[in-house]
């Protein structure tokens, strides 16, 4: 007897938190670098934007930080006991990508304040997830999903 209900793709909750810690370090480095080398900060932020984009499109397992987690961390930790759905995580990565892209543009066009503010917002969200397991993008996701459903029905 097979079920016609769709299965919801899920991942180990520790993977996105691991990725958030790496992201926090990268974004903090961007802010530090931006004080004396905006071009290098922009390049590092662009690399992080690519990481966000891969996570938004392919999901947390296939993102660079997800692959590092799977290869280096998973073999050394206890089996997964808690999972979370992938869709909100992909949305959170999309939000991170938008902030990183705005930051890159800010640094690239000579508007370092825009670059720093956009990076700061992304850093705040990454740190919330890393330190407190609070995914800001994941919290916003249900609202966006409901708006999309309502606009599709209109």
Protein backbone atom coordinates (compact mmCIF):
# COMPACT_ATOMS: atom_id res chain seq x y z
CA UNK A 1 0.00 0.00 0.00
CA UNK A 2 1.63 3.26 -1.11
CA UNK A 3 0.91 6.73 0.11
CA UNK A 4 0.17 9.53 -2.34
CA UNK A 5 1.18 12.17 0.20
CA UNK A 6 4.31 14.05 -0.86
CA UNK A 7 7.36 13.52 1.31
CA UNK A 8 9.00 16.62 2.69
CA UNK A 9 12.76 16.66 2.23
CA UNK A 10 14.49 17.13 5.59
CA UNK A 11 18.05 17.49 6.88
CA UNK A 12 19.91 17.08 10.17
CA UNK A 13 19.45 20.34 12.11
CA UNK A 14 23.15 20.38 12.98
CA UNK A 15 24.17 20.86 9.33
CA UNK A 16 22.61 24.30 8.83
CA UNK A 17 23.93 25.45 12.22
CA UNK A 18 27.43 24.31 11.21
CA UNK A 19 27.03 26.26 7.96
CA UNK A 20 25.80 29.28 9.91
CA UNK A 21 28.98 29.23 12.03
CA UNK A 22 31.17 29.22 8.92
CA UNK A 23 29.02 31.96 7.40
CA UNK A 24 29.34 34.01 10.60
CA UNK A 25 33.14 33.80 10.43
CA UNK A 26 33.21 34.69 6.72
CA UNK A 27 30.88 37.67 7.13
CA UNK A 28 32.78 38.94 10.19
CA UNK A 29 35.96 38.72 8.11
CA UNK A 30 34.25 40.73 5.36
CA UNK A 31 33.39 43.49 7.84
CA UNK A 32 36.92 43.55 9.25
CA UNK A 33 38.47 43.60 5.77
CA UNK A 34 36.11 46.35 4.63
CA UNK A 35 37.76 48.78 7.06
CA UNK A 36 41.01 48.74 5.13
CA UNK A 37 40.54 46.78 1.89
CA UNK A 38 37.08 47.10 0.33
CA UNK A 39 38.06 45.21 -2.82
CA UNK A 40 39.16 42.13 -0.89
CA UNK A 41 36.01 42.39 1.25
CA UNK A 42 33.90 42.52 -1.91
CA UNK A 43 35.61 39.42 -3.33
CA UNK A 44 35.14 37.43 -0.12
CA UNK A 45 31.51 38.56 0.08
CA UNK A 46 31.01 37.54 -3.56
CA UNK A 47 32.31 34.06 -2.72
CA UNK A 48 29.84 33.89 0.18
CA UNK A 49 27.08 35.05 -2.19
CA UNK A 50 27.88 32.09 -4.44
CA UNK A 51 27.67 29.77 -1.41
CA UNK A 52 24.27 31.28 -0.56
CA UNK A 53 23.10 30.87 -4.17
CA UNK A 54 24.10 27.21 -4.27
CA UNK A 55 22.27 26.61 -0.99
CA UNK A 56 19.18 28.43 -2.25
CA UNK A 57 19.01 26.44 -5.49
CA UNK A 58 20.37 23.03 -4.54
CA UNK A 59 19.60 22.90 -0.82
CA UNK A 60 21.73 22.62 2.29
CA UNK A 61 23.14 19.15 1.57
CA UNK A 62 24.64 20.21 -1.76
CA UNK A 63 25.94 23.59 -0.63
CA UNK A 64 29.70 23.84 -0.06
CA UNK A 65 29.31 24.08 3.72
CA UNK A 66 26.81 21.20 3.69
CA UNK A 67 29.33 19.05 1.84
CA UNK A 68 32.02 19.93 4.41
CA UNK A 69 29.60 19.01 7.20
CA UNK A 70 28.79 15.66 5.57
CA UNK A 71 32.42 14.78 4.87
CA UNK A 72 34.18 16.00 8.00
CA UNK A 73 31.63 16.35 10.80
CA UNK A 74 28.94 13.68 10.31
CA UNK A 75 31.37 10.75 10.62
CA UNK A 76 32.49 12.10 14.02
CA UNK A 77 29.12 12.82 15.67
CA UNK A 78 26.17 10.84 16.95
CA UNK A 79 23.45 9.81 14.49
CA UNK A 80 20.84 12.39 13.61
CA UNK A 81 18.01 12.72 16.11
CA UNK A 82 16.33 15.88 14.88
CA UNK A 83 15.54 17.00 11.35
CA UNK A 84 14.11 20.12 9.76
CA UNK A 85 12.48 20.76 6.39
CA UNK A 86 14.66 21.94 3.50
CA UNK A 87 12.30 24.51 1.90
CA UNK A 88 12.62 27.15 4.67
CA UNK A 89 16.40 26.65 4.68
CA UNK A 90 16.57 27.23 0.93
CA UNK A 91 14.52 30.40 1.38
CA UNK A 92 16.88 31.57 4.15
CA UNK A 93 19.82 31.01 1.79
CA UNK A 94 18.03 33.08 -0.85
CA UNK A 95 17.61 35.93 1.64
CA UNK A 96 21.30 35.64 2.53
CA UNK A 97 22.16 35.75 -1.16
CA UNK A 98 20.16 38.96 -1.63
CA UNK A 99 21.93 40.68 1.26
CA UNK A 100 25.34 39.45 0.09
CA UNK A 101 24.66 40.56 -3.50
CA UNK A 102 23.60 44.02 -2.30
CA UNK A 103 26.76 44.17 -0.20
CA UNK A 104 28.97 43.21 -3.14
CA UNK A 105 27.34 45.89 -5.29
CA UNK A 106 27.82 48.43 -2.51
CA UNK A 107 31.53 47.69 -2.21
CA UNK A 108 31.95 47.51 -6.00
CA UNK A 109 30.34 50.87 -6.77
CA UNK A 110 32.13 52.77 -4.03
CA UNK A 111 29.28 52.76 -1.52
CA UNK A 112 31.00 50.96 1.35
CA UNK A 113 28.29 51.93 3.85
CA UNK A 114 25.77 49.95 1.78
CA UNK A 115 28.22 47.04 1.66
CA UNK A 116 28.77 47.11 5.41
CA UNK A 117 25.07 47.44 6.27
CA UNK A 118 24.02 44.61 3.95
CA UNK A 119 26.83 42.41 5.28
CA UNK A 120 25.85 43.32 8.83
CA UNK A 121 22.25 42.19 8.27
CA UNK A 122 23.45 38.87 6.82
CA UNK A 123 25.91 38.46 9.71
CA UNK A 124 23.18 39.12 12.28
CA UNK A 125 20.93 36.44 10.73
CA UNK A 126 23.78 33.92 10.44
CA UNK A 127 24.85 34.49 14.04
CA UNK A 128 21.27 34.07 15.31
CA UNK A 129 21.12 30.69 13.62
CA UNK A 130 24.60 29.60 14.69
CA UNK A 131 24.45 30.66 18.32
CA UNK A 132 20.77 30.35 19.16
CA UNK A 133 19.33 27.95 16.53
CA UNK A 134 17.03 30.76 15.41
CA UNK A 135 16.78 30.84 11.63
CA UNK A 136 15.35 34.23 10.75
CA UNK A 137 14.71 33.31 7.10
CA UNK A 138 13.00 30.10 8.22
CA UNK A 139 10.68 32.14 10.45
CA UNK A 140 9.76 34.43 7.55
CA UNK A 141 9.28 31.52 5.10
CA UNK A 142 5.72 30.54 6.16
CA UNK A 143 4.54 34.12 5.65
CA UNK A 144 6.06 34.26 2.17
CA UNK A 145 4.68 30.81 1.30
CA UNK A 146 1.19 31.89 2.41
CA UNK A 147 1.42 35.11 0.36
CA UNK A 148 2.49 33.10 -2.69
CA UNK A 149 -0.43 30.72 -2.22
CA UNK A 150 -2.90 33.60 -1.83
CA UNK A 151 -1.56 35.45 -4.89
CA UNK A 152 -1.66 32.25 -6.98
CA UNK A 153 -5.32 31.77 -6.07
CA UNK A 154 -6.27 35.36 -6.93
